[in-house]
Amino acid sequence: TGDRYRMLVERAALALLDYIDDNAD
């Protein structure tokens, strides 16, 4: 989603951290 490169980096970093937060096991 999106075409701004900085936003893509932000989303990717948050997506991994969100997954870890919600699915630690």
PDBML (XML) file of the C-alpha atoms, coordinates in Angstrom:
<?xml version="1.0" encoding="UTF-8" ?>
<PDBx:datablock datablockName="MODEL"
   xmlns:PDBx="http://pdbml.pdb.org/schema/pdbx-v50.xsd"
   xmlns:xsi="http://www.w3.org/2001/XMLSchema-instance"
   xsi:schemaLocation="http://pdbml.pdb.org/schema/pdbx-v50.xsd pdbx-v50.xsd">
   <PDBx:atom_siteCategory>
      <PDBx:atom_site id="1">
         <PDBx:B_iso_or_equiv>0.00</PDBx:B_iso_or_equiv>
         <PDBx:Cartn_x>0.000</PDBx:Cartn_x>
         <PDBx:Cartn_y>0.000</PDBx:Cartn_y>
         <PDBx:Cartn_z>0.000</PDBx:Cartn_z>
         <PDBx:auth_asym_id>A</PDBx:auth_asym_id>
         <PDBx:auth_atom_id>CA</PDBx:auth_atom_id>
         <PDBx:auth_comp_id>THR</PDBx:auth_comp_id>
         <PDBx:auth_seq_id>1</PDBx:auth_seq_id>
         <PDBx:group_PDB>ATOM</PDBx:group_PDB>
         <PDBx:label_alt_id xsi:nil="true" />
         <PDBx:label_asym_id>A</PDBx:label_asym_id>
         <PDBx:label_atom_id>CA</PDBx:label_atom_id>
         <PDBx:label_comp_id>THR</PDBx:label_comp_id>
         <PDBx:label_entity_id>1</PDBx:label_entity_id>
         <PDBx:label_seq_id>1</PDBx:label_seq_id>
         <PDBx:occupancy>1.00</PDBx:occupancy>
         <PDBx:pdbx_PDB_model_num>1</PDBx:pdbx_PDB_model_num>
         <PDBx:type_symbol>C</PDBx:type_symbol>
      </PDBx:atom_site>
      <PDBx:atom_site id="2">
         <PDBx:B_iso_or_equiv>0.00</PDBx:B_iso_or_equiv>
         <PDBx:Cartn_x>1.191</PDBx:Cartn_x>
         <PDBx:Cartn_y>3.473</PDBx:Cartn_y>
         <PDBx:Cartn_z>-0.840</PDBx:Cartn_z>
         <PDBx:auth_asym_id>A</PDBx:auth_asym_id>
         <PDBx:auth_atom_id>CA</PDBx:auth_atom_id>
         <PDBx:auth_comp_id>GLY</PDBx:auth_comp_id>
         <PDBx:auth_seq_id>2</PDBx:auth_seq_id>
         <PDBx:group_PDB>ATOM</PDBx:group_PDB>
         <PDBx:label_alt_id xsi:nil="true" />
         <PDBx:label_asym_id>A</PDBx:label_asym_id>
         <PDBx:label_atom_id>CA</PDBx:label_atom_id>
         <PDBx:label_comp_id>GLY</PDBx:label_comp_id>
         <PDBx:label_entity_id>1</PDBx:label_entity_id>
         <PDBx:label_seq_id>2</PDBx:label_seq_id>
         <PDBx:occupancy>1.00</PDBx:occupancy>
         <PDBx:pdbx_PDB_model_num>1</PDBx:pdbx_PDB_model_num>
         <PDBx:type_symbol>C</PDBx:type_symbol>
      </PDBx:atom_site>
      <PDBx:atom_site id="3">
         <PDBx:B_iso_or_equiv>0.00</PDBx:B_iso_or_equiv>
         <PDBx:Cartn_x>3.923</PDBx:Cartn_x>
         <PDBx:Cartn_y>4.750</PDBx:Cartn_y>
         <PDBx:Cartn_z>-3.074</PDBx:Cartn_z>
         <PDBx:auth_asym_id>A</PDBx:auth_asym_id>
         <PDBx:auth_atom_id>CA</PDBx:auth_atom_id>
         <PDBx:auth_comp_id>ASP</PDBx:auth_comp_id>
         <PDBx:auth_seq_id>3</PDBx:auth_seq_id>
         <PDBx:group_PDB>ATOM</PDBx:group_PDB>
         <PDBx:label_alt_id xsi:nil="true" />
         <PDBx:label_asym_id>A</PDBx:label_asym_id>
         <PDBx:label_atom_id>CA</PDBx:label_atom_id>
         <PDBx:label_comp_id>ASP</PDBx:label_comp_id>
         <PDBx:label_entity_id>1</PDBx:label_entity_id>
         <PDBx:label_seq_id>3</PDBx:label_seq_id>
         <PDBx:occupancy>1.00</PDBx:occupancy>
         <PDBx:pdbx_PDB_model_num>1</PDBx:pdbx_PDB_model_num>
         <PDBx:type_symbol>C</PDBx:type_symbol>
      </PDBx:atom_site>
      <PDBx:atom_site id="4">
         <PDBx:B_iso_or_equiv>0.00</PDBx:B_iso_or_equiv>
         <PDBx:Cartn_x>5.989</PDBx:Cartn_x>
         <PDBx:Cartn_y>6.858</PDBx:Cartn_y>
         <PDBx:Cartn_z>-0.672</PDBx:Cartn_z>
         <PDBx:auth_asym_id>A</PDBx:auth_asym_id>
         <PDBx:auth_atom_id>CA</PDBx:auth_atom_id>
         <PDBx:auth_comp_id>ARG</PDBx:auth_comp_id>
         <PDBx:auth_seq_id>4</PDBx:auth_seq_id>
         <PDBx:group_PDB>ATOM</PDBx:group_PDB>
         <PDBx:label_alt_id xsi:nil="true" />
         <PDBx:label_asym_id>A</PDBx:label_asym_id>
         <PDBx:label_atom_id>CA</PDBx:label_atom_id>
         <PDBx:label_comp_id>ARG</PDBx:label_comp_id>
         <PDBx:label_entity_id>1</PDBx:label_entity_id>
         <PDBx:label_seq_id>4</PDBx:label_seq_id>
         <PDBx:occupancy>1.00</PDBx:occupancy>
         <PDBx:pdbx_PDB_model_num>1</PDBx:pdbx_PDB_model_num>
         <PDBx:type_symbol>C</PDBx:type_symbol>
      </PDBx:atom_site>
      <PDBx:atom_site id="5">
         <PDBx:B_iso_or_equiv>0.00</PDBx:B_iso_or_equiv>
         <PDBx:Cartn_x>9.137</PDBx:Cartn_x>
         <PDBx:Cartn_y>4.899</PDBx:Cartn_y>
         <PDBx:Cartn_z>0.125</PDBx:Cartn_z>
         <PDBx:auth_asym_id>A</PDBx:auth_asym_id>
         <PDBx:auth_atom_id>CA</PDBx:auth_atom_id>
         <PDBx:auth_comp_id>TYR</PDBx:auth_comp_id>
         <PDBx:auth_seq_id>5</PDBx:auth_seq_id>
         <PDBx:group_PDB>ATOM</PDBx:group_PDB>
         <PDBx:label_alt_id xsi:nil="true" />
         <PDBx:label_asym_id>A</PDBx:label_asym_id>
         <PDBx:label_atom_id>CA</PDBx:label_atom_id>
         <PDBx:label_comp_id>TYR</PDBx:label_comp_id>
         <PDBx:label_entity_id>1</PDBx:label_entity_id>
         <PDBx:label_seq_id>5</PDBx:label_seq_id>
         <PDBx:occupancy>1.00</PDBx:occupancy>
         <PDBx:pdbx_PDB_model_num>1</PDBx:pdbx_PDB_model_num>
         <PDBx:type_symbol>C</PDBx:type_symbol>
      </PDBx:atom_site>
      <PDBx:atom_site id="6">
         <PDBx:B_iso_or_equiv>0.00</PDBx:B_iso_or_equiv>
         <PDBx:Cartn_x>9.563</PDBx:Cartn_x>
         <PDBx:Cartn_y>6.141</PDBx:Cartn_y>
         <PDBx:Cartn_z>3.663</PDBx:Cartn_z>
         <PDBx:auth_asym_id>A</PDBx:auth_asym_id>
         <PDBx:auth_atom_id>CA</PDBx:auth_atom_id>
         <PDBx:auth_comp_id>ARG</PDBx:auth_comp_id>
         <PDBx:auth_seq_id>6</PDBx:auth_seq_id>
         <PDBx:group_PDB>ATOM</PDBx:group_PDB>
         <PDBx:label_alt_id xsi:nil="true" />
         <PDBx:label_asym_id>A</PDBx:label_asym_id>
         <PDBx:label_atom_id>CA</PDBx:label_atom_id>
         <PDBx:label_comp_id>ARG</PDBx:label_comp_id>
         <PDBx:label_entity_id>1</PDBx:label_entity_id>
         <PDBx:label_seq_id>6</PDBx:label_seq_id>
         <PDBx:occupancy>1.00</PDBx:occupancy>
         <PDBx:pdbx_PDB_model_num>1</PDBx:pdbx_PDB_model_num>
         <PDBx:type_symbol>C</PDBx:type_symbol>
      </PDBx:atom_site>
      <PDBx:atom_site id="7">
         <PDBx:B_iso_or_equiv>0.00</PDBx:B_iso_or_equiv>
         <PDBx:Cartn_x>5.978</PDBx:Cartn_x>
         <PDBx:Cartn_y>5.131</PDBx:Cartn_y>
         <PDBx:Cartn_z>4.463</PDBx:Cartn_z>
         <PDBx:auth_asym_id>A</PDBx:auth_asym_id>
         <PDBx:auth_atom_id>CA</PDBx:auth_atom_id>
         <PDBx:auth_comp_id>MET</PDBx:auth_comp_id>
         <PDBx:auth_seq_id>7</PDBx:auth_seq_id>
         <PDBx:group_PDB>ATOM</PDBx:group_PDB>
         <PDBx:label_alt_id xsi:nil="true" />
         <PDBx:label_asym_id>A</PDBx:label_asym_id>
         <PDBx:label_atom_id>CA</PDBx:label_atom_id>
         <PDBx:label_comp_id>MET</PDBx:label_comp_id>
         <PDBx:label_entity_id>1</PDBx:label_entity_id>
         <PDBx:label_seq_id>7</PDBx:label_seq_id>
         <PDBx:occupancy>1.00</PDBx:occupancy>
         <PDBx:pdbx_PDB_model_num>1</PDBx:pdbx_PDB_model_num>
         <PDBx:type_symbol>C</PDBx:type_symbol>
      </PDBx:atom_site>
      <PDBx:atom_site id="8">
         <PDBx:B_iso_or_equiv>0.00</PDBx:B_iso_or_equiv>
         <PDBx:Cartn_x>6.657</PDBx:Cartn_x>
         <PDBx:Cartn_y>1.646</PDBx:Cartn_y>
         <PDBx:Cartn_z>3.090</PDBx:Cartn_z>
         <PDBx:auth_asym_id>A</PDBx:auth_asym_id>
         <PDBx:auth_atom_id>CA</PDBx:auth_atom_id>
         <PDBx:auth_comp_id>LEU</PDBx:auth_comp_id>
         <PDBx:auth_seq_id>8</PDBx:auth_seq_id>
         <PDBx:group_PDB>ATOM</PDBx:group_PDB>
         <PDBx:label_alt_id xsi:nil="true" />
         <PDBx:label_asym_id>A</PDBx:label_asym_id>
         <PDBx:label_atom_id>CA</PDBx:label_atom_id>
         <PDBx:label_comp_id>LEU</PDBx:label_comp_id>
         <PDBx:label_entity_id>1</PDBx:label_entity_id>
         <PDBx:label_seq_id>8</PDBx:label_seq_id>
         <PDBx:occupancy>1.00</PDBx:occupancy>
         <PDBx:pdbx_PDB_model_num>1</PDBx:pdbx_PDB_model_num>
         <PDBx:type_symbol>C</PDBx:type_symbol>
      </PDBx:atom_site>
      <PDBx:atom_site id="9">
         <PDBx:B_iso_or_equiv>0.00</PDBx:B_iso_or_equiv>
         <PDBx:Cartn_x>9.667</PDBx:Cartn_x>
         <PDBx:Cartn_y>1.271</PDBx:Cartn_y>
         <PDBx:Cartn_z>5.396</PDBx:Cartn_z>
         <PDBx:auth_asym_id>A</PDBx:auth_asym_id>
         <PDBx:auth_atom_id>CA</PDBx:auth_atom_id>
         <PDBx:auth_comp_id>VAL</PDBx:auth_comp_id>
         <PDBx:auth_seq_id>9</PDBx:auth_seq_id>
         <PDBx:group_PDB>ATOM</PDBx:group_PDB>
         <PDBx:label_alt_id xsi:nil="true" />
         <PDBx:label_asym_id>A</PDBx:label_asym_id>
         <PDBx:label_atom_id>CA</PDBx:label_atom_id>
         <PDBx:label_comp_id>VAL</PDBx:label_comp_id>
         <PDBx:label_entity_id>1</PDBx:label_entity_id>
         <PDBx:label_seq_id>9</PDBx:label_seq_id>
         <PDBx:occupancy>1.00</PDBx:occupancy>
         <PDBx:pdbx_PDB_model_num>1</PDBx:pdbx_PDB_model_num>
         <PDBx:type_symbol>C</PDBx:type_symbol>
      </PDBx:atom_site>
      <PDBx:atom_site id="10">
         <PDBx:B_iso_or_equiv>0.00</PDBx:B_iso_or_equiv>
         <PDBx:Cartn_x>7.590</PDBx:Cartn_x>
         <PDBx:Cartn_y>2.509</PDBx:Cartn_y>
         <PDBx:Cartn_z>8.334</PDBx:Cartn_z>
         <PDBx:auth_asym_id>A</PDBx:auth_asym_id>
         <PDBx:auth_atom_id>CA</PDBx:auth_atom_id>
         <PDBx:auth_comp_id>GLU</PDBx:auth_comp_id>
         <PDBx:auth_seq_id>10</PDBx:auth_seq_id>
         <PDBx:group_PDB>ATOM</PDBx:group_PDB>
         <PDBx:label_alt_id xsi:nil="true" />
         <PDBx:label_asym_id>A</PDBx:label_asym_id>
         <PDBx:label_atom_id>CA</PDBx:label_atom_id>
         <PDBx:label_comp_id>GLU</PDBx:label_comp_id>
         <PDBx:label_entity_id>1</PDBx:label_entity_id>
         <PDBx:label_seq_id>10</PDBx:label_seq_id>
         <PDBx:occupancy>1.00</PDBx:occupancy>
         <PDBx:pdbx_PDB_model_num>1</PDBx:pdbx_PDB_model_num>
         <PDBx:type_symbol>C</PDBx:type_symbol>
      </PDBx:atom_site>
      <PDBx:atom_site id="11">
         <PDBx:B_iso_or_equiv>0.00</PDBx:B_iso_or_equiv>
         <PDBx:Cartn_x>4.755</PDBx:Cartn_x>
         <PDBx:Cartn_y>0.122</PDBx:Cartn_y>
         <PDBx:Cartn_z>7.542</PDBx:Cartn_z>
         <PDBx:auth_asym_id>A</PDBx:auth_asym_id>
         <PDBx:auth_atom_id>CA</PDBx:auth_atom_id>
         <PDBx:auth_comp_id>ARG</PDBx:auth_comp_id>
         <PDBx:auth_seq_id>11</PDBx:auth_seq_id>
         <PDBx:group_PDB>ATOM</PDBx:group_PDB>
         <PDBx:label_alt_id xsi:nil="true" />
         <PDBx:label_asym_id>A</PDBx:label_asym_id>
         <PDBx:label_atom_id>CA</PDBx:label_atom_id>
         <PDBx:label_comp_id>ARG</PDBx:label_comp_id>
         <PDBx:label_entity_id>1</PDBx:label_entity_id>
         <PDBx:label_seq_id>11</PDBx:label_seq_id>
         <PDBx:occupancy>1.00</PDBx:occupancy>
         <PDBx:pdbx_PDB_model_num>1</PDBx:pdbx_PDB_model_num>
         <PDBx:type_symbol>C</PDBx:type_symbol>
      </PDBx:atom_site>
      <PDBx:atom_site id="12">
         <PDBx:B_iso_or_equiv>0.00</PDBx:B_iso_or_equiv>
         <PDBx:Cartn_x>7.092</PDBx:Cartn_x>
         <PDBx:Cartn_y>-2.853</PDBx:Cartn_y>
         <PDBx:Cartn_z>7.164</PDBx:Cartn_z>
         <PDBx:auth_asym_id>A</PDBx:auth_asym_id>
         <PDBx:auth_atom_id>CA</PDBx:auth_atom_id>
         <PDBx:auth_comp_id>ALA</PDBx:auth_comp_id>
         <PDBx:auth_seq_id>12</PDBx:auth_seq_id>
         <PDBx:group_PDB>ATOM</PDBx:group_PDB>
         <PDBx:label_alt_id xsi:nil="true" />
         <PDBx:label_asym_id>A</PDBx:label_asym_id>
         <PDBx:label_atom_id>CA</PDBx:label_atom_id>
         <PDBx:label_comp_id>ALA</PDBx:label_comp_id>
         <PDBx:label_entity_id>1</PDBx:label_entity_id>
         <PDBx:label_seq_id>12</PDBx:label_seq_id>
         <PDBx:occupancy>1.00</PDBx:occupancy>
         <PDBx:pdbx_PDB_model_num>1</PDBx:pdbx_PDB_model_num>
         <PDBx:type_symbol>C</PDBx:type_symbol>
      </PDBx:atom_site>
      <PDBx:atom_site id="13">
         <PDBx:B_iso_or_equiv>0.00</PDBx:B_iso_or_equiv>
         <PDBx:Cartn_x>8.803</PDBx:Cartn_x>
         <PDBx:Cartn_y>-2.146</PDBx:Cartn_y>
         <PDBx:Cartn_z>10.498</PDBx:Cartn_z>
         <PDBx:auth_asym_id>A</PDBx:auth_asym_id>
         <PDBx:auth_atom_id>CA</PDBx:auth_atom_id>
         <PDBx:auth_comp_id>ALA</PDBx:auth_comp_id>
         <PDBx:auth_seq_id>13</PDBx:auth_seq_id>
         <PDBx:group_PDB>ATOM</PDBx:group_PDB>
         <PDBx:label_alt_id xsi:nil="true" />
         <PDBx:label_asym_id>A</PDBx:label_asym_id>
         <PDBx:label_atom_id>CA</PDBx:label_atom_id>
         <PDBx:label_comp_id>ALA</PDBx:label_comp_id>
         <PDBx:label_entity_id>1</PDBx:label_entity_id>
         <PDBx:label_seq_id>13</PDBx:label_seq_id>
         <PDBx:occupancy>1.00</PDBx:occupancy>
         <PDBx:pdbx_PDB_model_num>1</PDBx:pdbx_PDB_model_num>
         <PDBx:type_symbol>C</PDBx:type_symbol>
      </PDBx:atom_site>
      <PDBx:atom_site id="14">
         <PDBx:B_iso_or_equiv>0.00</PDBx:B_iso_or_equiv>
         <PDBx:Cartn_x>5.480</PDBx:Cartn_x>
         <PDBx:Cartn_y>-1.710</PDBx:Cartn_y>
         <PDBx:Cartn_z>12.278</PDBx:Cartn_z>
         <PDBx:auth_asym_id>A</PDBx:auth_asym_id>
         <PDBx:auth_atom_id>CA</PDBx:auth_atom_id>
         <PDBx:auth_comp_id>LEU</PDBx:auth_comp_id>
         <PDBx:auth_seq_id>14</PDBx:auth_seq_id>
         <PDBx:group_PDB>ATOM</PDBx:group_PDB>
         <PDBx:label_alt_id xsi:nil="true" />
         <PDBx:label_asym_id>A</PDBx:label_asym_id>
         <PDBx:label_atom_id>CA</PDBx:label_atom_id>
         <PDBx:label_comp_id>LEU</PDBx:label_comp_id>
         <PDBx:label_entity_id>1</PDBx:label_entity_id>
         <PDBx:label_seq_id>14</PDBx:label_seq_id>
         <PDBx:occupancy>1.00</PDBx:occupancy>
         <PDBx:pdbx_PDB_model_num>1</PDBx:pdbx_PDB_model_num>
         <PDBx:type_symbol>C</PDBx:type_symbol>
      </PDBx:atom_site>
      <PDBx:atom_site id="15">
         <PDBx:B_iso_or_equiv>0.00</PDBx:B_iso_or_equiv>
         <PDBx:Cartn_x>3.986</PDBx:Cartn_x>
         <PDBx:Cartn_y>-4.803</PDBx:Cartn_y>
         <PDBx:Cartn_z>10.633</PDBx:Cartn_z>
         <PDBx:auth_asym_id>A</PDBx:auth_asym_id>
         <PDBx:auth_atom_id>CA</PDBx:auth_atom_id>
         <PDBx:auth_comp_id>ALA</PDBx:auth_comp_id>
         <PDBx:auth_seq_id>15</PDBx:auth_seq_id>
         <PDBx:group_PDB>ATOM</PDBx:group_PDB>
         <PDBx:label_alt_id xsi:nil="true" />
         <PDBx:label_asym_id>A</PDBx:label_asym_id>
         <PDBx:label_atom_id>CA</PDBx:label_atom_id>
         <PDBx:label_comp_id>ALA</PDBx:label_comp_id>
         <PDBx:label_entity_id>1</PDBx:label_entity_id>
         <PDBx:label_seq_id>15</PDBx:label_seq_id>
         <PDBx:occupancy>1.00</PDBx:occupancy>
         <PDBx:pdbx_PDB_model_num>1</PDBx:pdbx_PDB_model_num>
         <PDBx:type_symbol>C</PDBx:type_symbol>
      </PDBx:atom_site>
      <PDBx:atom_site id="16">
         <PDBx:B_iso_or_equiv>0.00</PDBx:B_iso_or_equiv>
         <PDBx:Cartn_x>6.762</PDBx:Cartn_x>
         <PDBx:Cartn_y>-7.014</PDBx:Cartn_y>
         <PDBx:Cartn_z>12.014</PDBx:Cartn_z>
         <PDBx:auth_asym_id>A</PDBx:auth_asym_id>
         <PDBx:auth_atom_id>CA</PDBx:auth_atom_id>
         <PDBx:auth_comp_id>LEU</PDBx:auth_comp_id>
         <PDBx:auth_seq_id>16</PDBx:auth_seq_id>
         <PDBx:group_PDB>ATOM</PDBx:group_PDB>
         <PDBx:label_alt_id xsi:nil="true" />
         <PDBx:label_asym_id>A</PDBx:label_asym_id>
         <PDBx:label_atom_id>CA</PDBx:label_atom_id>
         <PDBx:label_comp_id>LEU</PDBx:label_comp_id>
         <PDBx:label_entity_id>1</PDBx:label_entity_id>
         <PDBx:label_seq_id>16</PDBx:label_seq_id>
         <PDBx:occupancy>1.00</PDBx:occupancy>
         <PDBx:pdbx_PDB_model_num>1</PDBx:pdbx_PDB_model_num>
         <PDBx:type_symbol>C</PDBx:type_symbol>
      </PDBx:atom_site>
      <PDBx:atom_site id="17">
         <PDBx:B_iso_or_equiv>0.00</PDBx:B_iso_or_equiv>
         <PDBx:Cartn_x>6.549</PDBx:Cartn_x>
         <PDBx:Cartn_y>-5.430</PDBx:Cartn_y>
         <PDBx:Cartn_z>15.469</PDBx:Cartn_z>
         <PDBx:auth_asym_id>A</PDBx:auth_asym_id>
         <PDBx:auth_atom_id>CA</PDBx:auth_atom_id>
         <PDBx:auth_comp_id>LEU</PDBx:auth_comp_id>
         <PDBx:auth_seq_id>17</PDBx:auth_seq_id>
         <PDBx:group_PDB>ATOM</PDBx:group_PDB>
         <PDBx:label_alt_id xsi:nil="true" />
         <PDBx:label_asym_id>A</PDBx:label_asym_id>
         <PDBx:label_atom_id>CA</PDBx:label_atom_id>
         <PDBx:label_comp_id>LEU</PDBx:label_comp_id>
         <PDBx:label_entity_id>1</PDBx:label_entity_id>
         <PDBx:label_seq_id>17</PDBx:label_seq_id>
         <PDBx:occupancy>1.00</PDBx:occupancy>
         <PDBx:pdbx_PDB_model_num>1</PDBx:pdbx_PDB_model_num>
         <PDBx:type_symbol>C</PDBx:type_symbol>
      </PDBx:atom_site>
      <PDBx:atom_site id="18">
         <PDBx:B_iso_or_equiv>0.00</PDBx:B_iso_or_equiv>
         <PDBx:Cartn_x>2.737</PDBx:Cartn_x>
         <PDBx:Cartn_y>-5.730</PDBx:Cartn_y>
         <PDBx:Cartn_z>15.430</PDBx:Cartn_z>
         <PDBx:auth_asym_id>A</PDBx:auth_asym_id>
         <PDBx:auth_atom_id>CA</PDBx:auth_atom_id>
         <PDBx:auth_comp_id>ASP</PDBx:auth_comp_id>
         <PDBx:auth_seq_id>18</PDBx:auth_seq_id>
         <PDBx:group_PDB>ATOM</PDBx:group_PDB>
         <PDBx:label_alt_id xsi:nil="true" />
         <PDBx:label_asym_id>A</PDBx:label_asym_id>
         <PDBx:label_atom_id>CA</PDBx:label_atom_id>
         <PDBx:label_comp_id>ASP</PDBx:label_comp_id>
         <PDBx:label_entity_id>1</PDBx:label_entity_id>
         <PDBx:label_seq_id>18</PDBx:label_seq_id>
         <PDBx:occupancy>1.00</PDBx:occupancy>
         <PDBx:pdbx_PDB_model_num>1</PDBx:pdbx_PDB_model_num>
         <PDBx:type_symbol>C</PDBx:type_symbol>
      </PDBx:atom_site>
      <PDBx:atom_site id="19">
         <PDBx:B_iso_or_equiv>0.00</PDBx:B_iso_or_equiv>
         <PDBx:Cartn_x>3.009</PDBx:Cartn_x>
         <PDBx:Cartn_y>-9.410</PDBx:Cartn_y>
         <PDBx:Cartn_z>14.567</PDBx:Cartn_z>
         <PDBx:auth_asym_id>A</PDBx:auth_asym_id>
         <PDBx:auth_atom_id>CA</PDBx:auth_atom_id>
         <PDBx:auth_comp_id>TYR</PDBx:auth_comp_id>
         <PDBx:auth_seq_id>19</PDBx:auth_seq_id>
         <PDBx:group_PDB>ATOM</PDBx:group_PDB>
         <PDBx:label_alt_id xsi:nil="true" />
         <PDBx:label_asym_id>A</PDBx:label_asym_id>
         <PDBx:label_atom_id>CA</PDBx:label_atom_id>
         <PDBx:label_comp_id>TYR</PDBx:label_comp_id>
         <PDBx:label_entity_id>1</PDBx:label_entity_id>
         <PDBx:label_seq_id>19</PDBx:label_seq_id>
         <PDBx:occupancy>1.00</PDBx:occupancy>
         <PDBx:pdbx_PDB_model_num>1</PDBx:pdbx_PDB_model_num>
         <PDBx:type_symbol>C</PDBx:type_symbol>
      </PDBx:atom_site>
      <PDBx:atom_site id="20">
         <PDBx:B_iso_or_equiv>0.00</PDBx:B_iso_or_equiv>
         <PDBx:Cartn_x>5.514</PDBx:Cartn_x>
         <PDBx:Cartn_y>-9.968</PDBx:Cartn_y>
         <PDBx:Cartn_z>17.404</PDBx:Cartn_z>
         <PDBx:auth_asym_id>A</PDBx:auth_asym_id>
         <PDBx:auth_atom_id>CA</PDBx:auth_atom_id>
         <PDBx:auth_comp_id>ILE</PDBx:auth_comp_id>
         <PDBx:auth_seq_id>20</PDBx:auth_seq_id>
         <PDBx:group_PDB>ATOM</PDBx:group_PDB>
         <PDBx:label_alt_id xsi:nil="true" />
         <PDBx:label_asym_id>A</PDBx:label_asym_id>
         <PDBx:label_atom_id>CA</PDBx:label_atom_id>
         <PDBx:label_comp_id>ILE</PDBx:label_comp_id>
         <PDBx:label_entity_id>1</PDBx:label_entity_id>
         <PDBx:label_seq_id>20</PDBx:label_seq_id>
         <PDBx:occupancy>1.00</PDBx:occupancy>
         <PDBx:pdbx_PDB_model_num>1</PDBx:pdbx_PDB_model_num>
         <PDBx:type_symbol>C</PDBx:type_symbol>
      </PDBx:atom_site>
      <PDBx:atom_site id="21">
         <PDBx:B_iso_or_equiv>0.00</PDBx:B_iso_or_equiv>
         <PDBx:Cartn_x>3.294</PDBx:Cartn_x>
         <PDBx:Cartn_y>-8.047</PDBx:Cartn_y>
         <PDBx:Cartn_z>19.822</PDBx:Cartn_z>
         <PDBx:auth_asym_id>A</PDBx:auth_asym_id>
         <PDBx:auth_atom_id>CA</PDBx:auth_atom_id>
         <PDBx:auth_comp_id>ASP</PDBx:auth_comp_id>
         <PDBx:auth_seq_id>21</PDBx:auth_seq_id>
         <PDBx:group_PDB>ATOM</PDBx:group_PDB>
         <PDBx:label_alt_id xsi:nil="true" />
         <PDBx:label_asym_id>A</PDBx:label_asym_id>
         <PDBx:label_atom_id>CA</PDBx:label_atom_id>
         <PDBx:label_comp_id>ASP</PDBx:label_comp_id>
         <PDBx:label_entity_id>1</PDBx:label_entity_id>
         <PDBx:label_seq_id>21</PDBx:label_seq_id>
         <PDBx:occupancy>1.00</PDBx:occupancy>
         <PDBx:pdbx_PDB_model_num>1</PDBx:pdbx_PDB_model_num>
         <PDBx:type_symbol>C</PDBx:type_symbol>
      </PDBx:atom_site>
      <PDBx:atom_site id="22">
         <PDBx:B_iso_or_equiv>0.00</PDBx:B_iso_or_equiv>
         <PDBx:Cartn_x>0.148</PDBx:Cartn_x>
         <PDBx:Cartn_y>-9.969</PDBx:Cartn_y>
         <PDBx:Cartn_z>18.884</PDBx:Cartn_z>
         <PDBx:auth_asym_id>A</PDBx:auth_asym_id>
         <PDBx:auth_atom_id>CA</PDBx:auth_atom_id>
         <PDBx:auth_comp_id>ASP</PDBx:auth_comp_id>
         <PDBx:auth_seq_id>22</PDBx:auth_seq_id>
         <PDBx:group_PDB>ATOM</PDBx:group_PDB>
         <PDBx:label_alt_id xsi:nil="true" />
         <PDBx:label_asym_id>A</PDBx:label_asym_id>
         <PDBx:label_atom_id>CA</PDBx:label_atom_id>
         <PDBx:label_comp_id>ASP</PDBx:label_comp_id>
         <PDBx:label_entity_id>1</PDBx:label_entity_id>
         <PDBx:label_seq_id>22</PDBx:label_seq_id>
         <PDBx:occupancy>1.00</PDBx:occupancy>
         <PDBx:pdbx_PDB_model_num>1</PDBx:pdbx_PDB_model_num>
         <PDBx:type_symbol>C</PDBx:type_symbol>
      </PDBx:atom_site>
      <PDBx:atom_site id="23">
         <PDBx:B_iso_or_equiv>0.00</PDBx:B_iso_or_equiv>
         <PDBx:Cartn_x>1.746</PDBx:Cartn_x>
         <PDBx:Cartn_y>-13.381</PDBx:Cartn_y>
         <PDBx:Cartn_z>18.247</PDBx:Cartn_z>
         <PDBx:auth_asym_id>A</PDBx:auth_asym_id>
         <PDBx:auth_atom_id>CA</PDBx:auth_atom_id>
         <PDBx:auth_comp_id>ASN</PDBx:auth_comp_id>
         <PDBx:auth_seq_id>23</PDBx:auth_seq_id>
         <PDBx:group_PDB>ATOM</PDBx:group_PDB>
         <PDBx:label_alt_id xsi:nil="true" />
         <PDBx:label_asym_id>A</PDBx:label_asym_id>
         <PDBx:label_atom_id>CA</PDBx:label_atom_id>
         <PDBx:label_comp_id>ASN</PDBx:label_comp_id>
         <PDBx:label_entity_id>1</PDBx:label_entity_id>
         <PDBx:label_seq_id>23</PDBx:label_seq_id>
         <PDBx:occupancy>1.00</PDBx:occupancy>
         <PDBx:pdbx_PDB_model_num>1</PDBx:pdbx_PDB_model_num>
         <PDBx:type_symbol>C</PDBx:type_symbol>
      </PDBx:atom_site>
      <PDBx:atom_site id="24">
         <PDBx:B_iso_or_equiv>0.00</PDBx:B_iso_or_equiv>
         <PDBx:Cartn_x>4.761</PDBx:Cartn_x>
         <PDBx:Cartn_y>-13.680</PDBx:Cartn_y>
         <PDBx:Cartn_z>20.553</PDBx:Cartn_z>
         <PDBx:auth_asym_id>A</PDBx:auth_asym_id>
         <PDBx:auth_atom_id>CA</PDBx:auth_atom_id>
         <PDBx:auth_comp_id>ALA</PDBx:auth_comp_id>
         <PDBx:auth_seq_id>24</PDBx:auth_seq_id>
         <PDBx:group_PDB>ATOM</PDBx:group_PDB>
         <PDBx:label_alt_id xsi:nil="true" />
         <PDBx:label_asym_id>A</PDBx:label_asym_id>
         <PDBx:label_atom_id>CA</PDBx:label_atom_id>
         <PDBx:label_comp_id>ALA</PDBx:label_comp_id>
         <PDBx:label_entity_id>1</PDBx:label_entity_id>
         <PDBx:label_seq_id>24</PDBx:label_seq_id>
         <PDBx:occupancy>1.00</PDBx:occupancy>
         <PDBx:pdbx_PDB_model_num>1</PDBx:pdbx_PDB_model_num>
         <PDBx:type_symbol>C</PDBx:type_symbol>
      </PDBx:atom_site>
      <PDBx:atom_site id="25">
         <PDBx:B_iso_or_equiv>0.00</PDBx:B_iso_or_equiv>
         <PDBx:Cartn_x>4.432</PDBx:Cartn_x>
         <PDBx:Cartn_y>-17.477</PDBx:Cartn_y>
         <PDBx:Cartn_z>20.806</PDBx:Cartn_z>
         <PDBx:auth_asym_id>A</PDBx:auth_asym_id>
         <PDBx:auth_atom_id>CA</PDBx:auth_atom_id>
         <PDBx:auth_comp_id>ASP</PDBx:auth_comp_id>
         <PDBx:auth_seq_id>25</PDBx:auth_seq_id>
         <PDBx:group_PDB>ATOM</PDBx:group_PDB>
         <PDBx:label_alt_id xsi:nil="true" />
         <PDBx:label_asym_id>A</PDBx:label_asym_id>
         <PDBx:label_atom_id>CA</PDBx:label_atom_id>
         <PDBx:label_comp_id>ASP</PDBx:label_comp_id>
         <PDBx:label_entity_id>1</PDBx:label_entity_id>
         <PDBx:label_seq_id>25</PDBx:label_seq_id>
         <PDBx:occupancy>1.00</PDBx:occupancy>
         <PDBx:pdbx_PDB_model_num>1</PDBx:pdbx_PDB_model_num>
         <PDBx:type_symbol>C</PDBx:type_symbol>
      </PDBx:atom_site>
   </PDBx:atom_siteCategory>
</PDBx:datablock>
